[in-house]
Protein backbone atom coordinates (compact mmCIF):
# COMPACT_ATOMS: atom_id res chain seq x y z
CA MET A 1 -21.67 -13.33 -15.09
CA LYS A 2 -22.66 -14.13 -11.34
CA THR A 3 -22.50 -10.77 -9.07
CA ILE A 4 -20.39 -11.44 -5.72
CA ALA A 5 -20.04 -8.80 -2.81
CA VAL A 6 -16.93 -8.85 -0.76
CA ILE A 7 -17.50 -7.60 2.67
CA GLY A 8 -14.31 -5.85 3.57
CA ALA A 9 -11.05 -4.43 1.86
CA GLY A 10 -8.45 -5.80 4.33
CA ILE A 11 -5.62 -8.41 2.89
CA THR A 12 -8.32 -11.02 2.72
CA GLY A 13 -10.84 -9.25 1.00
CA ILE A 14 -8.53 -7.69 -1.79
CA THR A 15 -7.12 -11.35 -2.29
CA THR A 16 -10.42 -12.67 -2.16
CA ALA A 17 -11.65 -10.19 -4.66
CA TYR A 18 -8.51 -11.04 -7.07
CA ALA A 19 -8.73 -14.22 -6.86
CA LEU A 20 -13.14 -14.16 -7.79
CA MET A 21 -12.50 -11.77 -10.74
CA ASN A 22 -9.69 -14.12 -11.69
CA ARG A 23 -12.73 -16.51 -11.97
CA GLY A 24 -15.01 -14.50 -14.34
CA PHE A 25 -16.90 -13.26 -11.49
CA ASP A 26 -18.40 -9.47 -11.45
CA VAL A 27 -17.31 -8.42 -8.01
CA THR A 28 -18.25 -5.52 -5.53
CA VAL A 29 -15.84 -4.55 -2.30
CA PHE A 30 -17.34 -2.87 0.21
CA ASP A 31 -15.56 -1.02 3.07
CA ARG A 32 -16.40 1.42 5.61
CA ASN A 33 -13.03 3.34 4.89
CA ARG A 34 -11.83 5.33 2.23
CA TYR A 35 -9.35 3.20 1.26
CA ALA A 36 -8.18 -0.17 1.20
CA ALA A 37 -6.38 -1.78 4.26
CA MET A 38 -6.69 1.03 6.76
CA GLU A 39 -7.51 -1.49 9.51
CA THR A 40 -5.82 -4.63 10.73
CA SER A 41 -3.78 -4.52 7.46
CA PHE A 42 -2.33 -1.25 7.78
CA ALA A 43 0.70 -1.78 9.80
CA ASN A 44 1.12 -5.19 10.98
CA GLY A 45 4.54 -6.95 11.67
CA GLY A 46 5.37 -7.52 7.79
CA GLN A 47 5.99 -11.26 8.49
CA LEU A 48 5.09 -13.85 5.32
CA SER A 49 6.02 -16.54 8.42
CA ALA A 50 5.18 -20.15 7.52
CA SER A 51 7.86 -20.53 10.58
CA ASN A 52 5.69 -18.55 12.67
CA ALA A 53 2.53 -20.89 12.03
CA GLU A 54 2.39 -22.66 15.71
CA VAL A 55 -0.93 -22.34 16.91
CA TRP A 56 -1.53 -20.96 20.30
CA THR A 57 -3.73 -23.68 21.83
CA GLN A 58 -1.32 -25.19 24.57
CA TRP A 59 -1.99 -25.05 28.42
CA SER A 60 1.07 -23.31 28.09
CA THR A 61 -0.34 -20.09 26.48
CA ILE A 62 -3.27 -20.23 29.34
CA PHE A 63 -0.36 -20.27 32.08
CA LYS A 64 1.20 -17.47 30.99
CA GLY A 65 -1.99 -15.44 30.48
CA LEU A 66 -2.63 -15.59 34.36
CA LYS A 67 0.93 -15.35 35.06
CA TRP A 68 1.18 -12.20 33.10
CA MET A 69 -2.27 -10.62 33.85
CA THR A 70 -1.11 -7.92 36.20
CA GLN A 71 1.85 -6.84 34.17
CA ARG A 72 0.40 -4.00 32.12
CA GLY A 73 3.31 -4.41 29.26
CA ALA A 74 3.54 -8.06 29.21
CA PRO A 75 3.52 -10.30 25.51
CA LEU A 76 -0.05 -11.85 26.43
CA LEU A 77 -2.64 -9.12 28.59
CA VAL A 78 -6.18 -10.16 29.40
CA ASN A 79 -8.43 -7.63 30.92
CA PRO A 80 -10.23 -9.67 33.60
CA LYS A 81 -13.41 -7.65 33.46
CA PRO A 82 -15.94 -10.30 33.12
CA SER A 83 -17.43 -10.52 29.14
CA TRP A 84 -19.39 -13.45 27.96
CA HIS A 85 -18.11 -13.43 24.33
CA LYS A 86 -14.26 -13.39 25.67
CA TYR A 87 -14.90 -16.31 28.27
CA SER A 88 -16.84 -18.49 25.88
CA TRP A 89 -14.60 -18.18 23.71
CA MET A 90 -11.57 -18.95 25.75
CA ALA A 91 -13.39 -21.99 26.72
CA GLU A 92 -13.80 -22.75 23.30
CA PHE A 93 -9.86 -22.32 22.61
CA MET A 94 -9.02 -24.52 25.43
CA SER A 95 -11.42 -27.45 23.96
CA ASN A 96 -9.40 -27.27 20.89
CA ILE A 97 -5.98 -27.71 22.83
CA PRO A 98 -6.10 -31.50 21.49
CA ASN A 99 -5.85 -30.02 17.89
CA TYR A 100 -2.45 -28.15 18.30
CA ARG A 101 -0.48 -30.54 16.30
CA LYS A 102 -3.08 -31.11 13.56
CA ASN A 103 -3.96 -27.23 13.00
CA THR A 104 -0.35 -26.34 13.32
CA VAL A 105 0.67 -28.67 10.49
CA GLU A 106 -2.13 -27.28 8.28
CA THR A 107 -1.40 -23.81 8.92
CA VAL A 108 2.28 -24.78 7.77
CA ARG A 109 0.81 -26.08 4.75
CA LEU A 110 -1.57 -22.88 4.09
CA ALA A 111 1.32 -20.40 4.50
CA ILE A 112 3.75 -22.31 1.84
CA ALA A 113 0.98 -22.23 -0.61
CA ALA A 114 -0.14 -18.52 -0.04
CA ARG A 115 3.34 -17.63 -0.43
CA GLU A 116 3.31 -18.55 -4.07
CA HIS A 117 0.52 -17.00 -5.10
CA LEU A 118 1.46 -13.49 -3.34
CA MET A 119 4.45 -13.14 -5.15
CA SER A 120 2.99 -14.26 -8.42
CA HIS A 121 0.06 -11.50 -7.95
CA ALA A 122 2.57 -8.85 -7.39
CA ALA A 123 4.90 -9.81 -10.40
CA LYS A 124 2.06 -10.25 -12.81
CA GLU A 125 0.04 -6.87 -11.68
CA GLY A 126 3.87 -5.15 -11.55
CA PHE A 127 3.41 -3.61 -8.19
CA ASP A 128 6.11 -3.18 -5.41
CA PHE A 129 5.29 -3.71 -1.75
CA SER A 130 9.07 -3.31 0.05
CA MET A 131 9.49 -7.42 -0.10
CA GLU A 132 12.74 -8.47 1.38
CA LYS A 133 13.77 -12.05 1.01
CA ARG A 134 16.25 -12.39 3.75
CA GLY A 135 14.54 -15.42 5.47
CA ILE A 136 13.46 -14.88 9.26
CA LEU A 137 15.27 -15.78 12.13
CA HIS A 138 13.97 -16.54 15.60
CA VAL A 139 15.87 -15.78 18.33
CA TYR A 140 16.77 -17.21 21.99
CA ASP A 141 18.65 -16.07 24.86
CA CYS A 142 19.03 -19.12 26.89
CA LYS A 143 19.24 -22.83 26.49
CA PRO A 144 15.99 -23.81 27.90
CA ASP A 145 14.11 -21.59 24.99
CA PHE A 146 16.11 -22.68 22.15
CA ASP A 147 15.66 -26.40 23.28
CA GLY A 148 11.85 -26.15 23.36
CA ALA A 149 11.28 -24.46 20.04
CA ALA A 150 12.97 -27.40 18.64
CA LYS A 151 10.09 -29.79 19.18
CA VAL A 152 8.45 -27.17 16.76
CA ASN A 153 10.45 -28.47 14.23
CA ASP A 154 8.88 -31.66 13.71
CA MET A 155 5.50 -30.04 13.16
CA LEU A 156 7.12 -27.57 10.71
CA LYS A 157 8.97 -30.20 8.75
CA GLU A 158 5.46 -32.60 8.35
CA GLY A 159 4.03 -29.12 7.10
CA GLY A 160 6.59 -29.01 4.42
CA LEU A 161 8.58 -26.38 5.97
CA GLU A 162 12.81 -26.43 6.40
CA ARG A 163 13.56 -24.56 9.53
CA HIS A 164 17.45 -25.52 10.96
CA ALA A 165 19.55 -24.59 14.40
CA VAL A 166 22.05 -21.78 13.81
CA THR A 167 24.70 -20.78 16.44
CA ALA A 168 25.35 -17.22 17.78
CA GLU A 169 27.90 -17.03 15.35
CA GLU A 170 25.78 -17.76 12.63
CA MET A 171 23.29 -15.69 13.75
CA ARG A 172 25.57 -12.89 13.34
CA LYS A 173 27.05 -13.49 9.78
CA LEU A 174 23.71 -13.62 9.00
CA GLU A 175 22.22 -10.26 10.53
CA PRO A 176 25.39 -8.30 11.13
CA ALA A 177 23.39 -5.63 13.14
CA LEU A 178 22.30 -8.43 16.08
CA LYS A 179 24.17 -7.26 19.07
CA GLY A 180 23.72 -8.84 22.92
CA GLU A 181 23.87 -12.01 24.55
CA ILE A 182 22.50 -14.38 22.04
CA TYR A 183 22.54 -18.22 22.75
CA GLY A 184 21.25 -19.43 19.44
CA GLY A 185 18.50 -19.23 16.96
CA TYR A 186 16.40 -20.88 14.30
CA TYR A 187 16.61 -19.88 10.47
CA THR A 188 14.24 -20.22 7.65
CA GLU A 189 15.42 -18.79 4.51
CA SER A 190 12.37 -19.39 2.63
CA ASP A 191 10.19 -16.69 4.81
CA PHE A 192 10.31 -13.33 3.66
CA THR A 193 8.76 -9.73 4.53
CA GLY A 194 6.85 -7.09 3.24
CA ASP A 195 4.53 -3.89 3.98
CA ILE A 196 0.84 -5.55 4.30
CA HIS A 197 -0.75 -2.26 3.07
CA SER A 198 1.45 -1.39 0.29
CA TYR A 199 0.12 -5.03 -0.89
CA ALA A 200 -3.25 -4.68 -0.47
CA LYS A 201 -3.35 -1.17 -2.08
CA GLY A 202 -1.49 -2.41 -5.36
CA LEU A 203 -3.42 -5.50 -5.74
CA GLY A 204 -6.63 -3.77 -5.09
CA GLU A 205 -6.03 -1.20 -7.69
CA ALA A 206 -5.35 -4.24 -10.39
CA CYS A 207 -8.61 -5.63 -9.38
CA LYS A 208 -10.06 -1.73 -10.22
CA LYS A 209 -8.21 -1.54 -13.25
CA HIS A 210 -9.69 -5.22 -14.44
CA GLY A 211 -13.13 -4.18 -13.53
CA THR A 212 -14.11 -4.55 -9.83
CA THR A 213 -16.36 -2.19 -8.38
CA PHE A 214 -15.10 -0.70 -5.11
CA LYS A 215 -17.34 0.94 -2.28
CA TYR A 216 -15.35 3.16 -0.16
CA GLY A 217 -16.78 4.56 2.89
CA CYS A 218 -19.78 2.44 2.80
CA TYR A 219 -21.20 1.04 6.20
CA VAL A 220 -22.98 -2.02 5.67
CA GLU A 221 -25.87 -2.47 7.79
CA THR A 222 -27.86 -5.30 6.73
CA LEU A 223 -27.11 -9.10 5.30
CA THR A 224 -30.45 -10.90 4.36
CA ALA A 225 -30.14 -14.57 2.91
CA ARG A 226 -32.78 -14.83 0.45
CA GLU A 227 -34.72 -18.46 0.55
CA ARG A 228 -34.17 -18.84 -3.24
CA GLY A 229 -30.61 -18.02 -3.35
CA GLY A 230 -28.51 -14.40 -2.96
CA VAL A 231 -28.32 -12.29 -1.07
CA ASP A 232 -29.22 -8.42 -0.35
CA VAL A 233 -26.93 -5.85 1.00
CA GLY A 234 -28.06 -2.90 2.79
CA TRP A 235 -25.60 0.12 3.23
CA THR A 236 -25.15 3.66 4.28
CA GLU A 237 -22.85 6.11 1.98
CA THR A 238 -23.05 10.06 2.03
CA SER A 239 -25.51 9.95 -0.30
CA GLY A 240 -27.75 8.17 2.22
CA ASN A 241 -29.20 4.50 2.31
CA GLN A 242 -28.74 2.08 -0.55
CA SER A 243 -29.58 -1.44 -1.09
CA GLY A 244 -28.55 -3.86 -4.06
CA HIS A 245 -28.76 -7.95 -4.30
CA PHE A 246 -25.84 -10.08 -5.10
CA ASP A 247 -26.02 -13.85 -6.00
CA GLY A 248 -23.21 -14.61 -3.49
CA ILE A 249 -21.17 -12.41 -0.59
CA VAL A 250 -18.04 -13.45 0.41
CA ILE A 251 -17.95 -11.79 4.26
CA CYS A 252 -13.79 -10.91 4.83
CA ALA A 253 -14.91 -8.47 7.40
CA GLY A 254 -12.58 -8.68 10.40
CA VAL A 255 -13.63 -8.83 13.89
CA ARG A 256 -16.82 -7.52 12.44
CA SER A 257 -17.15 -11.13 11.06
CA ARG A 258 -19.11 -12.51 13.92
CA ALA A 259 -21.67 -9.86 13.47
CA PHE A 260 -22.11 -9.92 9.60
CA ALA A 261 -22.41 -13.98 10.36
CA SER A 262 -25.21 -13.52 12.30
CA MET A 263 -27.39 -11.66 10.33
CA VAL A 264 -27.30 -14.46 7.70
CA GLY A 265 -27.84 -17.42 10.41
CA ASP A 266 -24.42 -18.48 10.92
CA ARG A 267 -22.21 -18.42 13.94
CA VAL A 268 -18.65 -17.04 13.43
CA ASN A 269 -16.89 -17.04 16.75
CA VAL A 270 -14.12 -14.39 15.94
CA TYR A 271 -12.84 -12.78 18.95
CA PRO A 272 -10.59 -9.14 18.52
CA VAL A 273 -7.02 -9.78 19.93
CA LYS A 274 -5.50 -6.44 19.21
CA GLY A 275 -1.59 -6.36 18.45
CA TYR A 276 0.52 -3.13 18.31
CA SER A 277 3.30 -2.08 16.45
CA ILE A 278 5.95 0.89 15.78
CA THR A 279 7.32 2.19 12.72
CA VAL A 280 11.11 3.50 13.33
CA ALA A 281 11.67 6.06 10.71
CA LEU A 282 15.62 5.59 9.74
CA ASP A 283 16.24 8.98 9.19
CA ASP A 284 19.94 9.16 9.61
CA GLU A 285 22.64 6.89 8.32
CA GLN A 286 23.45 5.51 11.44
CA SER A 287 19.94 4.41 12.20
CA GLN A 288 20.04 2.90 8.89
CA ALA A 289 22.92 1.05 9.38
CA ALA A 290 22.50 0.00 12.67
CA ALA A 291 18.62 -1.68 12.02
CA PRO A 292 18.42 -5.25 10.87
CA TRP A 293 17.39 -6.31 6.93
CA VAL A 294 16.90 -9.78 8.36
CA SER A 295 13.48 -10.40 9.71
CA LEU A 296 13.82 -11.16 13.57
CA LEU A 297 11.60 -13.13 15.83
CA ASP A 298 12.14 -13.13 19.70
CA ASP A 299 10.04 -16.05 20.84
CA LYS A 300 10.27 -14.63 24.45
CA ALA A 301 9.26 -11.16 24.27
CA LYS A 302 6.70 -12.39 21.13
CA ILE A 303 7.87 -9.44 18.88
CA VAL A 304 8.60 -9.37 15.28
CA THR A 305 10.46 -7.49 12.82
CA SER A 306 10.60 -6.41 9.14
CA ARG A 307 13.11 -3.98 7.37
CA LEU A 308 10.48 -1.69 4.75
CA GLY A 309 13.29 -0.54 2.58
CA ASP A 310 16.03 1.80 3.60
CA ASN A 311 14.15 4.32 5.88
CA ARG A 312 11.30 1.89 8.05
CA PHE A 313 11.71 -0.34 10.12
CA ARG A 314 8.46 -2.07 11.47
CA VAL A 315 8.81 -3.70 14.99
CA ALA A 316 5.38 -5.66 16.37
CA GLY A 317 4.09 -7.90 18.73
CA THR A 318 1.79 -8.29 21.94
CA ALA A 319 -1.62 -9.75 22.29
CA GLU A 320 -4.27 -8.10 24.14
CA PHE A 321 -7.67 -10.01 24.69
CA ASN A 322 -10.06 -6.46 25.83
CA GLY A 323 -12.80 -6.74 23.75
CA GLU A 324 -13.06 -4.36 20.45
CA ASN A 325 -11.11 -1.36 21.87
CA ARG A 326 -8.62 0.31 19.50
CA ASP A 327 -6.51 2.57 21.91
CA ILE A 328 -3.31 2.62 21.36
CA ARG A 329 -1.83 2.43 25.36
CA ASP A 330 1.69 3.69 26.03
CA ASP A 331 2.64 1.01 28.40
CA ARG A 332 1.92 -1.37 25.44
CA ILE A 333 3.75 0.51 23.01
CA GLN A 334 7.07 0.87 25.40
CA PRO A 335 8.17 -2.21 25.49
CA LEU A 336 8.45 -2.21 21.77
CA VAL A 337 10.43 0.81 21.89
CA LYS A 338 12.69 -0.39 24.62
CA TRP A 339 13.52 -3.50 23.16
CA VAL A 340 14.26 -1.53 19.84
CA GLU A 341 16.80 0.84 21.88
CA ASN A 342 18.08 -2.61 24.13
CA LEU A 343 18.77 -4.61 21.09
CA PHE A 344 19.66 -2.04 18.61
CA PRO A 345 20.98 0.89 20.85
CA ASP A 346 22.53 2.65 17.30
CA VAL A 347 19.00 3.31 16.10
CA SER A 348 17.31 6.30 16.77
CA THR A 349 13.39 6.08 18.31
CA GLU A 350 13.03 9.61 18.02
CA HIS A 351 10.65 9.30 15.37
CA ALA A 352 8.49 5.97 16.11
CA ILE A 353 4.82 5.45 14.57
CA PRO A 354 2.79 3.90 17.23
CA TRP A 355 -0.18 1.60 15.57
CA ALA A 356 -2.95 -0.95 17.00
CA GLY A 357 -5.04 -3.30 15.13
CA LEU A 358 -7.64 -5.96 16.11
CA ARG A 359 -6.70 -9.51 15.31
CA PRO A 360 -9.78 -11.37 13.77
CA MET A 361 -8.86 -14.89 15.87
CA MET A 362 -11.16 -18.14 16.14
CA PRO A 363 -10.79 -20.40 18.90
CA ASN A 364 -9.45 -23.05 17.00
CA MET A 365 -6.69 -20.52 15.62
CA MET A 366 -7.82 -21.86 12.10
CA PRO A 367 -9.21 -19.15 9.48
CA ARG A 368 -12.85 -19.62 8.50
CA VAL A 369 -12.79 -20.75 4.76
CA GLY A 370 -15.94 -22.00 2.50
CA PRO A 371 -19.77 -21.71 2.55
CA GLY A 372 -22.22 -21.03 5.38
CA LYS A 373 -25.82 -22.07 6.06
CA SER A 374 -27.44 -20.16 3.35
CA SER A 375 -27.04 -20.30 -0.35
CA GLY A 376 -24.44 -17.69 -1.35
CA VAL A 377 -22.76 -16.85 1.43
CA PHE A 378 -19.06 -17.59 2.03
CA TYR A 379 -16.55 -16.84 4.55
CA ASN A 380 -12.52 -16.00 4.01
CA THR A 381 -12.07 -14.54 8.08
CA GLY A 382 -10.69 -15.26 11.22
CA HIS A 383 -6.57 -15.48 10.53
CA GLY A 384 -5.98 -14.15 13.74
CA HIS A 385 -2.32 -13.23 13.53
CA LEU A 386 -1.67 -14.80 10.49
CA GLY A 387 -3.60 -12.79 7.78
CA TRP A 388 -1.18 -11.67 5.98
CA THR A 389 0.66 -15.43 5.57
CA LEU A 390 -2.56 -17.35 4.99
CA SER A 391 -4.77 -14.74 3.20
CA ALA A 392 -3.77 -15.51 -0.51
CA ALA A 393 -3.85 -19.76 0.02
CA THR A 394 -7.50 -19.22 1.75
CA ALA A 395 -8.37 -16.68 -0.80
CA GLU A 396 -8.16 -19.24 -3.66
CA ILE A 397 -9.67 -21.78 -1.56
CA VAL A 398 -12.91 -19.73 -1.30
CA ALA A 399 -13.01 -18.56 -4.75
CA ASP A 400 -13.13 -22.39 -5.99
CA SER A 401 -15.80 -23.11 -3.32
CA VAL A 402 -17.79 -20.32 -4.87
CA LEU A 403 -17.27 -21.20 -8.21
CA ASP A 404 -18.40 -24.75 -7.54
CA ALA A 405 -21.66 -23.28 -6.33
CA SER A 406 -21.75 -21.27 -9.25
CA ARG A 407 -21.74 -24.12 -11.20
CA SER A 408 -24.17 -26.29 -9.61
CA ASN A 409 -26.63 -23.44 -9.48
CA ALA A 410 -26.30 -22.60 -6.14
CA VAL A 411 -25.22 -19.21 -6.59
């Protein structure tokens, strides 16, 4: 049996470990935290959303970013402070605008494939992750925005997804909690939601039960690819510096994937794009009755929601280009709170827990999946805002890649 190290225990790392384990590999997972999914996979928007697979590589994204640069609560905020990584990443982002349609269609296909794996893993291993199979409803308050969204439907359909238009009246039947002025929307019945942290924890426990080794609280310091194959991993833990040799590694380290890739001679141009969320505690019956169960996506505000059981309501959104900064800014949280209070006034926001996470985003908005330059080095990273949506599919792809290399004696 070949030994494989997985660097990172977020949703991509855990699903990768599970896929490798199922192919007969001896897997060891490294993470600097004490538990699985404690960073970007901790409190995201909860949507498993093929309907939100449209990539951002459009000129409209650039123009909106410039327009919103001085608005501290804007859905997309760019810190203008000079940074070679940030501006070179943005230049590469713009160079990928011609691939907008192709990459959107491919992302839809990956998202649809990931669904079956995610649900089958949970069913097989018997853990709960607050899944709600009620679809996702895109909400629009004016005709121009609604008409603009219709153009995306052709790409979604090409990728194999059915999303159909609904009137304001139909939307309120789907989700009676909706209030305020609504022009119309689009509904994707096959999309669903769940708690990413609970899922990663449950699947991680399943991996452990089946023999996967987890090294939590370990800081990976060095990766050294050997000329004859395999990788030496050096790490620090409470007992001191440690090292070990593995036949292969899969880097699933989120925003730190770029630094790890450079250690083994690869360029993986991940940029940290910060997103925020609040988890609203539905402590009283009035709030529980007033909070929506159908998952919502407000395209104008760039806000998504998910209902995580009877007593939690997750609201997430915004994108912030501000380097590897994990500060939770009140001026970025307040728009989420106000959105809830405006659309769902009977929901109490007295107990709303704020959170921020760094999405690992590639300039082409596509994850980096597959082998690196050196024998035994592989990647499953750079999923951006769709890590929860895509991870189970890309885990299968990279695990197959490792297996193929193993059979050809390259790992």
